[in-house]
Amino acid sequence: MIPVSRYENKSKWKKFGRRSALKTKSVKLSIFQTFKTKTHQLTGEAIRQRNIITHLAQANNSASMTRTAIAQSIAAKNGLLWKNIYSGVFRDMDEILIPLNIVMEAGRLPLKRGPKALQEKGIPFYKLTKNGFLVALSIDELENKKLVLDKFLSNPEMIEKEFVDAIKTLVKVSPKLTHSIFEIYVNAYCNGKLKNLLPFSISEFHRISKNTFTIQKELLEGFQKLSKSNRLEILKLFSKFT
């Protein structure tokens, strides 16, 4: 898992607000994108998109869901000037997150001041789509995962019932393992291994996860067969690795 809660090198933020010169490139979600020479370090674009998505997942009023409010929130967290990153937020919203149906316009806030045309149209504010909630669950630094998970699972037409029931149980005993399921799935989408995020498909997850959960299944089945003393030995061993 890629650590993103600390930004040891702020140089990657220098181009944070600039538009990409490659306007012809295909639309792609970049939340797991890293530098070619520093594969452990997320790019500024990746960090920005992660911040936009987690901000909207946690926002609780329309005034905090405008592009300006999003830029101000990101800037405050990272010691930046919001005006310097606004263009980057604007580009990510309009050219990537909205076209990919991860974010959508939720309404307009009326203006009492400013140009008449702008007063009549209002300022747009945004929210996550069903796809957006799934993407948010793949981001480790998301704080209110349970609330977002409940919103995501409330769309039964997009998720197999078997998966919903299992996830509701699994998240109680292993939140990190549950998070890794969404991380693997969304990462595959970002890398072009999945054509669509929804509907969530167990068969597609099995295809892209390779042996990851085969190992987990083997461990769980074997662990159940062990004696109490042997289980304690295994748990003691695992505690040394965490």
C-alpha atoms as a PDB file:
ATOM      1  CA  MET A   1       0.000   0.000   0.000  1.00  0.00           C
ATOM      2  CA  ILE A   2       1.324   3.431  -0.942  1.00  0.00           C
ATOM      3  CA  PRO A   3       1.721   5.887   1.994  1.00  0.00           C
ATOM      4  CA  VAL A   4       0.245   9.258   1.119  1.00  0.00           C
ATOM      5  CA  SER A   5      -0.573  10.826   4.484  1.00  0.00           C
ATOM      6  CA  ARG A   6       2.812  12.632   4.551  1.00  0.00           C
ATOM      7  CA  TYR A   7       4.408  14.584   1.769  1.00  0.00           C
ATOM      8  CA  GLU A   8       8.136  14.489   2.465  1.00  0.00           C
ATOM      9  CA  ASN A   9       8.992  16.055  -0.866  1.00  0.00           C
ATOM     10  CA  LYS A  10       6.823  19.021  -1.833  1.00  0.00           C
ATOM     11  CA  SER A  11       8.567  19.482  -5.159  1.00  0.00           C
ATOM     12  CA  LYS A  12       5.976  17.249  -6.786  1.00  0.00           C
ATOM     13  CA  TRP A  13       3.380  19.910  -6.004  1.00  0.00           C
ATOM     14  CA  LYS A  14       5.074  22.575  -8.125  1.00  0.00           C
ATOM     15  CA  LYS A  15       3.058  21.604 -11.187  1.00  0.00           C
ATOM     16  CA  PHE A  16       0.019  20.792  -9.082  1.00  0.00           C
ATOM     17  CA  GLY A  17      -2.244  23.434 -10.611  1.00  0.00           C
ATOM     18  CA  ARG A  18      -1.081  23.374 -14.208  1.00  0.00           C
ATOM     19  CA  ARG A  19      -3.036  21.937 -17.089  1.00  0.00           C
ATOM     20  CA  SER A  20      -1.488  18.972 -18.832  1.00  0.00           C
ATOM     21  CA  ALA A  21       0.177  19.744 -22.143  1.00  0.00           C
ATOM     22  CA  LEU A  22      -0.968  16.385 -23.467  1.00  0.00           C
ATOM     23  CA  LYS A  23      -4.548  17.343 -24.203  1.00  0.00           C
ATOM     24  CA  THR A  24      -4.971  14.468 -26.606  1.00  0.00           C
ATOM     25  CA  LYS A  25      -4.276  11.744 -24.054  1.00  0.00           C
ATOM     26  CA  SER A  26      -7.127   9.423 -23.132  1.00  0.00           C
ATOM     27  CA  VAL A  27      -9.148  10.130 -20.004  1.00  0.00           C
ATOM     28  CA  LYS A  28      -7.720   8.065 -17.152  1.00  0.00           C
ATOM     29  CA  LEU A  29      -8.116   8.028 -13.395  1.00  0.00           C
ATOM     30  CA  SER A  30      -4.704   8.626 -11.815  1.00  0.00           C
ATOM     31  CA  ILE A  31      -5.201   8.022  -8.088  1.00  0.00           C
ATOM     32  CA  PHE A  32      -2.536   5.275  -8.003  1.00  0.00           C
ATOM     33  CA  GLN A  33      -0.093   6.944 -10.385  1.00  0.00           C
ATOM     34  CA  THR A  34       3.512   7.132  -9.161  1.00  0.00           C
ATOM     35  CA  PHE A  35       6.714   8.642 -10.493  1.00  0.00           C
ATOM     36  CA  LYS A  36       8.642   6.361 -12.859  1.00  0.00           C
ATOM     37  CA  THR A  37      11.837   6.679 -10.844  1.00  0.00           C
ATOM     38  CA  LYS A  38      10.112   6.738  -7.435  1.00  0.00           C
ATOM     39  CA  THR A  39       7.463   4.030  -7.562  1.00  0.00           C
ATOM     40  CA  HIS A  40       6.654   4.467  -3.874  1.00  0.00           C
ATOM     41  CA  GLN A  41       5.752   8.147  -4.332  1.00  0.00           C
ATOM     42  CA  LEU A  42       2.423   9.354  -5.727  1.00  0.00           C
ATOM     43  CA  THR A  43       2.426  12.103  -8.344  1.00  0.00           C
ATOM     44  CA  GLY A  44       0.856  15.494  -7.665  1.00  0.00           C
ATOM     45  CA  GLU A  45      -2.026  14.593  -9.986  1.00  0.00           C
ATOM     46  CA  ALA A  46      -2.693  11.380  -8.055  1.00  0.00           C
ATOM     47  CA  ILE A  47      -2.658  13.175  -4.699  1.00  0.00           C
ATOM     48  CA  ARG A  48      -4.929  15.915  -6.014  1.00  0.00           C
ATOM     49  CA  GLN A  49      -7.507  13.477  -7.385  1.00  0.00           C
ATOM     50  CA  ARG A  50      -7.451  11.460  -4.162  1.00  0.00           C
ATOM     51  CA  ASN A  51      -8.037  14.661  -2.190  1.00  0.00           C
ATOM     52  CA  ILE A  52     -10.951  15.718  -4.393  1.00  0.00           C
ATOM     53  CA  ILE A  53     -12.663  12.348  -4.043  1.00  0.00           C
ATOM     54  CA  THR A  54     -12.140  11.998  -0.295  1.00  0.00           C
ATOM     55  CA  HIS A  55     -13.248  15.600   0.248  1.00  0.00           C
ATOM     56  CA  LEU A  56     -16.548  14.999  -1.563  1.00  0.00           C
ATOM     57  CA  ALA A  57     -17.016  11.714   0.302  1.00  0.00           C
ATOM     58  CA  GLN A  58     -16.768  13.573   3.600  1.00  0.00           C
ATOM     59  CA  ALA A  59     -18.434  16.913   2.723  1.00  0.00           C
ATOM     60  CA  ASN A  60     -21.748  17.485   4.476  1.00  0.00           C
ATOM     61  CA  ASN A  61     -23.071  20.695   2.914  1.00  0.00           C
ATOM     62  CA  SER A  62     -23.337  22.126  -0.600  1.00  0.00           C
ATOM     63  CA  ALA A  63     -21.139  25.160   0.147  1.00  0.00           C
ATOM     64  CA  SER A  64     -18.195  22.844   0.864  1.00  0.00           C
ATOM     65  CA  MET A  65     -18.696  20.969  -2.419  1.00  0.00           C
ATOM     66  CA  THR A  66     -17.831  23.710  -4.930  1.00  0.00           C
ATOM     67  CA  ARG A  67     -14.572  23.679  -6.880  1.00  0.00           C
ATOM     68  CA  THR A  68     -13.282  26.640  -4.870  1.00  0.00           C
ATOM     69  CA  ALA A  69     -14.109  24.964  -1.545  1.00  0.00           C
ATOM     70  CA  ILE A  70     -12.400  21.757  -2.679  1.00  0.00           C
ATOM     71  CA  ALA A  71      -9.251  23.664  -3.712  1.00  0.00           C
ATOM     72  CA  GLN A  72      -9.221  25.570  -0.424  1.00  0.00           C
ATOM     73  CA  SER A  73      -9.556  22.352   1.569  1.00  0.00           C
ATOM     74  CA  ILE A  74      -6.688  20.649  -0.278  1.00  0.00           C
ATOM     75  CA  ALA A  75      -4.505  23.731   0.058  1.00  0.00           C
ATOM     76  CA  ALA A  76      -5.157  24.037   3.794  1.00  0.00           C
ATOM     77  CA  LYS A  77      -4.161  20.407   4.386  1.00  0.00           C
ATOM     78  CA  ASN A  78      -0.921  20.717   2.464  1.00  0.00           C
ATOM     79  CA  GLY A  79       0.236  24.250   3.251  1.00  0.00           C
ATOM     80  CA  LEU A  80      -0.426  25.579  -0.256  1.00  0.00           C
ATOM     81  CA  LEU A  81      -2.172  28.591  -1.763  1.00  0.00           C
ATOM     82  CA  TRP A  82      -5.565  27.486  -3.045  1.00  0.00           C
ATOM     83  CA  LYS A  83      -5.385  29.771  -6.086  1.00  0.00           C
ATOM     84  CA  ASN A  84      -2.254  27.942  -7.203  1.00  0.00           C
ATOM     85  CA  ILE A  85      -4.023  24.577  -7.341  1.00  0.00           C
ATOM     86  CA  TYR A  86      -7.488  25.697  -8.452  1.00  0.00           C
ATOM     87  CA  SER A  87      -6.731  25.175 -12.161  1.00  0.00           C
ATOM     88  CA  GLY A  88      -5.610  21.622 -11.409  1.00  0.00           C
ATOM     89  CA  VAL A  89      -8.792  20.915  -9.463  1.00  0.00           C
ATOM     90  CA  PHE A  90     -10.847  22.452 -12.294  1.00  0.00           C
ATOM     91  CA  ARG A  91      -9.123  20.251 -14.882  1.00  0.00           C
ATOM     92  CA  ASP A  92      -9.465  17.066 -12.829  1.00  0.00           C
ATOM     93  CA  MET A  93     -13.155  17.710 -12.253  1.00  0.00           C
ATOM     94  CA  ASP A  94     -14.141  18.733 -15.781  1.00  0.00           C
ATOM     95  CA  GLU A  95     -11.780  16.606 -17.864  1.00  0.00           C
ATOM     96  CA  ILE A  96     -11.401  13.425 -15.803  1.00  0.00           C
ATOM     97  CA  LEU A  97     -13.698  12.829 -12.833  1.00  0.00           C
ATOM     98  CA  ILE A  98     -16.944  14.037 -14.436  1.00  0.00           C
ATOM     99  CA  PRO A  99     -16.361  12.333 -17.846  1.00  0.00           C
ATOM    100  CA  LEU A 100     -15.533   9.072 -16.020  1.00  0.00           C
ATOM    101  CA  ASN A 101     -18.794   9.391 -14.038  1.00  0.00           C
ATOM    102  CA  ILE A 102     -16.998   9.470 -10.705  1.00  0.00           C
ATOM    103  CA  VAL A 103     -18.211  12.982  -9.850  1.00  0.00           C
ATOM    104  CA  MET A 104     -21.366  14.755 -11.008  1.00  0.00           C
ATOM    105  CA  GLU A 105     -22.927  18.176 -10.576  1.00  0.00           C
ATOM    106  CA  ALA A 106     -25.392  18.114  -7.686  1.00  0.00           C
ATOM    107  CA  GLY A 107     -26.913  21.591  -8.019  1.00  0.00           C
ATOM    108  CA  ARG A 108     -26.215  25.324  -8.056  1.00  0.00           C
ATOM    109  CA  LEU A 109     -25.657  27.815  -5.268  1.00  0.00           C
ATOM    110  CA  PRO A 110     -27.300  31.229  -5.841  1.00  0.00           C
ATOM    111  CA  LEU A 111     -25.070  34.313  -5.896  1.00  0.00           C
ATOM    112  CA  LYS A 112     -26.033  37.708  -4.520  1.00  0.00           C
ATOM    113  CA  ARG A 113     -23.022  39.512  -5.953  1.00  0.00           C
ATOM    114  CA  GLY A 114     -20.947  39.414  -9.103  1.00  0.00           C
ATOM    115  CA  PRO A 115     -21.851  39.432 -12.813  1.00  0.00           C
ATOM    116  CA  LYS A 116     -25.577  39.145 -13.507  1.00  0.00           C
ATOM    117  CA  ALA A 117     -25.129  36.108 -15.770  1.00  0.00           C
ATOM    118  CA  LEU A 118     -23.229  34.315 -13.023  1.00  0.00           C
ATOM    119  CA  GLN A 119     -25.882  35.269 -10.467  1.00  0.00           C
ATOM    120  CA  GLU A 120     -28.564  33.737 -12.671  1.00  0.00           C
ATOM    121  CA  LYS A 121     -26.647  30.519 -13.304  1.00  0.00           C
ATOM    122  CA  GLY A 122     -25.229  30.170  -9.809  1.00  0.00           C
ATOM    123  CA  ILE A 123     -22.098  28.337  -8.693  1.00  0.00           C
ATOM    124  CA  PRO A 124     -22.112  24.562  -9.286  1.00  0.00           C
ATOM    125  CA  PHE A 125     -21.447  22.143  -6.468  1.00  0.00           C
ATOM    126  CA  TYR A 126     -20.685  18.452  -6.842  1.00  0.00           C
ATOM    127  CA  LYS A 127     -21.132  15.005  -5.335  1.00  0.00           C
ATOM    128  CA  LEU A 128     -19.805  11.494  -5.832  1.00  0.00           C
ATOM    129  CA  THR A 129     -21.680   9.095  -8.092  1.00  0.00           C
ATOM    130  CA  LYS A 130     -22.102   5.370  -7.377  1.00  0.00           C
ATOM    131  CA  ASN A 131     -18.777   4.878  -9.156  1.00  0.00           C
ATOM    132  CA  GLY A 132     -17.314   7.617  -6.977  1.00  0.00           C
ATOM    133  CA  PHE A 133     -18.207   5.860  -3.740  1.00  0.00           C
ATOM    134  CA  LEU A 134     -16.450   2.726  -4.970  1.00  0.00           C
ATOM    135  CA  VAL A 135     -13.333   4.732  -5.872  1.00  0.00           C
ATOM    136  CA  ALA A 136     -13.396   6.493  -2.487  1.00  0.00           C
ATOM    137  CA  LEU A 137     -13.351   3.111  -0.728  1.00  0.00           C
ATOM    138  CA  SER A 138     -10.089   2.278  -2.501  1.00  0.00           C
ATOM    139  CA  ILE A 139      -8.300   5.313  -1.031  1.00  0.00           C
ATOM    140  CA  ASP A 140      -6.535   4.470   2.211  1.00  0.00           C
ATOM    141  CA  GLU A 141      -6.710   7.946   3.768  1.00  0.00           C
ATOM    142  CA  LEU A 142     -10.518   8.117   3.551  1.00  0.00           C
ATOM    143  CA  GLU A 143     -11.687   8.703   7.127  1.00  0.00           C
ATOM    144  CA  ASN A 144     -15.360   7.734   7.236  1.00  0.00           C
ATOM    145  CA  LYS A 145     -15.073   4.413   5.418  1.00  0.00           C
ATOM    146  CA  LYS A 146     -18.089   2.836   7.149  1.00  0.00           C
ATOM    147  CA  LEU A 147     -20.448   5.616   6.066  1.00  0.00           C
ATOM    148  CA  VAL A 148     -19.151   5.502   2.489  1.00  0.00           C
ATOM    149  CA  LEU A 149     -19.342   1.692   2.446  1.00  0.00           C
ATOM    150  CA  ASP A 150     -22.981   1.841   3.577  1.00  0.00           C
ATOM    151  CA  LYS A 151     -23.779   4.287   0.761  1.00  0.00           C
ATOM    152  CA  PHE A 152     -22.019   2.091  -1.778  1.00  0.00           C
ATOM    153  CA  LEU A 153     -23.729  -1.108  -0.639  1.00  0.00           C
ATOM    154  CA  SER A 154     -27.143   0.607  -0.764  1.00  0.00           C
ATOM    155  CA  ASN A 155     -27.156   0.172  -4.559  1.00  0.00           C
ATOM    156  CA  PRO A 156     -28.120  -3.509  -4.911  1.00  0.00           C
ATOM    157  CA  GLU A 157     -28.616  -3.256  -8.666  1.00  0.00           C
ATOM    158  CA  MET A 158     -24.905  -2.507  -9.037  1.00  0.00           C
ATOM    159  CA  ILE A 159     -23.541  -5.200  -6.705  1.00  0.00           C
ATOM    160  CA  GLU A 160     -24.132  -8.940  -6.415  1.00  0.00           C
ATOM    161  CA  LYS A 161     -26.074  -9.801  -3.226  1.00  0.00           C
ATOM    162  CA  GLU A 162     -23.571 -12.508  -2.351  1.00  0.00           C
ATOM    163  CA  PHE A 163     -20.826  -9.890  -2.282  1.00  0.00           C
ATOM    164  CA  VAL A 164     -22.871  -7.408  -0.213  1.00  0.00           C
ATOM    165  CA  ASP A 165     -23.637  -9.971   2.508  1.00  0.00           C
ATOM    166  CA  ALA A 166     -20.031 -11.169   2.701  1.00  0.00           C
ATOM    167  CA  ILE A 167     -18.571  -7.648   2.812  1.00  0.00           C
ATOM    168  CA  LYS A 168     -20.898  -6.593   5.641  1.00  0.00           C
ATOM    169  CA  THR A 169     -19.545  -9.475   7.705  1.00  0.00           C
ATOM    170  CA  LEU A 170     -15.922  -9.196   6.613  1.00  0.00           C
ATOM    171  CA  VAL A 171     -15.604  -5.470   7.395  1.00  0.00           C
ATOM    172  CA  LYS A 172     -16.475  -6.185  11.041  1.00  0.00           C
ATOM    173  CA  VAL A 173     -13.556  -8.591  11.513  1.00  0.00           C
ATOM    174  CA  SER A 174     -11.004  -7.238   9.030  1.00  0.00           C
ATOM    175  CA  PRO A 175     -11.466  -3.642   7.812  1.00  0.00           C
ATOM    176  CA  LYS A 176      -8.018  -3.584   6.180  1.00  0.00           C
ATOM    177  CA  LEU A 177      -8.679  -6.740   4.171  1.00  0.00           C
ATOM    178  CA  THR A 178     -12.009  -5.280   3.078  1.00  0.00           C
ATOM    179  CA  HIS A 179     -10.276  -2.091   1.986  1.00  0.00           C
ATOM    180  CA  SER A 180      -7.738  -4.102  -0.024  1.00  0.00           C
ATOM    181  CA  ILE A 181     -10.568  -5.637  -2.070  1.00  0.00           C
ATOM    182  CA  PHE A 182     -11.680  -2.210  -3.287  1.00  0.00           C
ATOM    183  CA  GLU A 183      -8.087  -1.067  -3.751  1.00  0.00           C
ATOM    184  CA  ILE A 184      -7.255  -4.026  -6.018  1.00  0.00           C
ATOM    185  CA  TYR A 185     -10.471  -3.580  -8.000  1.00  0.00           C
ATOM    186  CA  VAL A 186     -10.145   0.165  -8.610  1.00  0.00           C
ATOM    187  CA  ASN A 187      -6.409  -0.104  -9.285  1.00  0.00           C
ATOM    188  CA  ALA A 188      -7.196  -2.618 -12.038  1.00  0.00           C
ATOM    189  CA  TYR A 189      -9.659  -0.122 -13.531  1.00  0.00           C
ATOM    190  CA  CYS A 190      -7.018   2.626 -13.453  1.00  0.00           C
ATOM    191  CA  ASN A 191      -4.587   0.329 -15.276  1.00  0.00           C
ATOM    192  CA  GLY A 192      -7.086  -0.572 -17.988  1.00  0.00           C
ATOM    193  CA  LYS A 193      -7.684  -4.138 -16.779  1.00  0.00           C
ATOM    194  CA  LEU A 194     -11.358  -3.357 -16.125  1.00  0.00           C
ATOM    195  CA  LYS A 195     -13.566  -1.622 -18.670  1.00  0.00           C
ATOM    196  CA  ASN A 196     -16.160  -0.421 -16.139  1.00  0.00           C
ATOM    197  CA  LEU A 197     -16.241   0.020 -12.378  1.00  0.00           C
ATOM    198  CA  LEU A 198     -19.867  -1.009 -12.033  1.00  0.00           C
ATOM    199  CA  PRO A 199     -21.595  -3.340 -11.749  1.00  0.00           C
ATOM    200  CA  PHE A 200     -19.127  -4.831  -9.292  1.00  0.00           C
ATOM    201  CA  SER A 201     -18.366  -8.354 -10.480  1.00  0.00           C
ATOM    202  CA  ILE A 202     -17.004 -11.122  -8.267  1.00  0.00           C
ATOM    203  CA  SER A 203     -15.828 -13.064 -11.324  1.00  0.00           C
ATOM    204  CA  GLU A 204     -13.935 -10.012 -12.589  1.00  0.00           C
ATOM    205  CA  PHE A 205     -12.392  -9.489  -9.165  1.00  0.00           C
ATOM    206  CA  HIS A 206     -11.251 -13.125  -9.144  1.00  0.00           C
ATOM    207  CA  ARG A 207      -9.617 -12.587 -12.543  1.00  0.00           C
ATOM    208  CA  ILE A 208      -7.657  -9.477 -11.558  1.00  0.00           C
ATOM    209  CA  SER A 209      -6.745 -10.422  -7.970  1.00  0.00           C
ATOM    210  CA  LYS A 210      -4.686 -13.443  -9.102  1.00  0.00           C
ATOM    211  CA  ASN A 211      -3.562 -15.462  -6.058  1.00  0.00           C
ATOM    212  CA  THR A 212      -4.052 -12.753  -3.436  1.00  0.00           C
ATOM    213  CA  PHE A 213      -7.256 -14.125  -1.977  1.00  0.00           C
ATOM    214  CA  THR A 214      -6.471 -17.744  -2.748  1.00  0.00           C
ATOM    215  CA  ILE A 215      -3.731 -17.348  -0.134  1.00  0.00           C
ATOM    216  CA  GLN A 216      -6.168 -15.707   2.296  1.00  0.00           C
ATOM    217  CA  LYS A 217      -8.678 -18.511   1.808  1.00  0.00           C
ATOM    218  CA  GLU A 218      -6.003 -21.164   2.368  1.00  0.00           C
ATOM    219  CA  LEU A 219      -4.928 -19.440   5.591  1.00  0.00           C
ATOM    220  CA  LEU A 220      -8.471 -19.155   6.950  1.00  0.00           C
ATOM    221  CA  GLU A 221      -9.341 -22.771   6.185  1.00  0.00           C
ATOM    222  CA  GLY A 222      -6.101 -24.037   7.724  1.00  0.00           C
ATOM    223  CA  PHE A 223      -6.373 -21.759  10.751  1.00  0.00           C
ATOM    224  CA  GLN A 224      -9.796 -23.199  11.605  1.00  0.00           C
ATOM    225  CA  LYS A 225      -8.349 -26.711  11.790  1.00  0.00           C
ATOM    226  CA  LEU A 226      -5.560 -25.818  14.220  1.00  0.00           C
ATOM    227  CA  SER A 227      -5.665 -26.432  17.945  1.00  0.00           C
ATOM    228  CA  LYS A 228      -6.052 -23.446  20.246  1.00  0.00           C
ATOM    229  CA  SER A 229      -2.362 -23.477  21.188  1.00  0.00           C
ATOM    230  CA  ASN A 230      -1.291 -23.623  17.529  1.00  0.00           C
ATOM    231  CA  ARG A 231      -3.608 -20.751  16.648  1.00  0.00           C
ATOM    232  CA  LEU A 232      -1.998 -18.678  19.385  1.00  0.00           C
ATOM    233  CA  GLU A 233       1.448 -19.509  17.982  1.00  0.00           C
ATOM    234  CA  ILE A 234       0.405 -18.320  14.506  1.00  0.00           C
ATOM    235  CA  LEU A 235      -1.118 -15.121  15.882  1.00  0.00           C
ATOM    236  CA  LYS A 236       2.045 -14.457  17.883  1.00  0.00           C
ATOM    237  CA  LEU A 237       4.120 -14.877  14.716  1.00  0.00           C
ATOM    238  CA  PHE A 238       1.894 -12.534  12.723  1.00  0.00           C
ATOM    239  CA  SER A 239       2.046  -9.906  15.465  1.00  0.00           C
ATOM    240  CA  LYS A 240       5.815  -9.658  14.848  1.00  0.00           C
ATOM    241  CA  PHE A 241       5.189  -8.733  11.212  1.00  0.00           C
ATOM    242  CA  THR A 242       2.727  -5.921  11.913  1.00  0.00           C
END
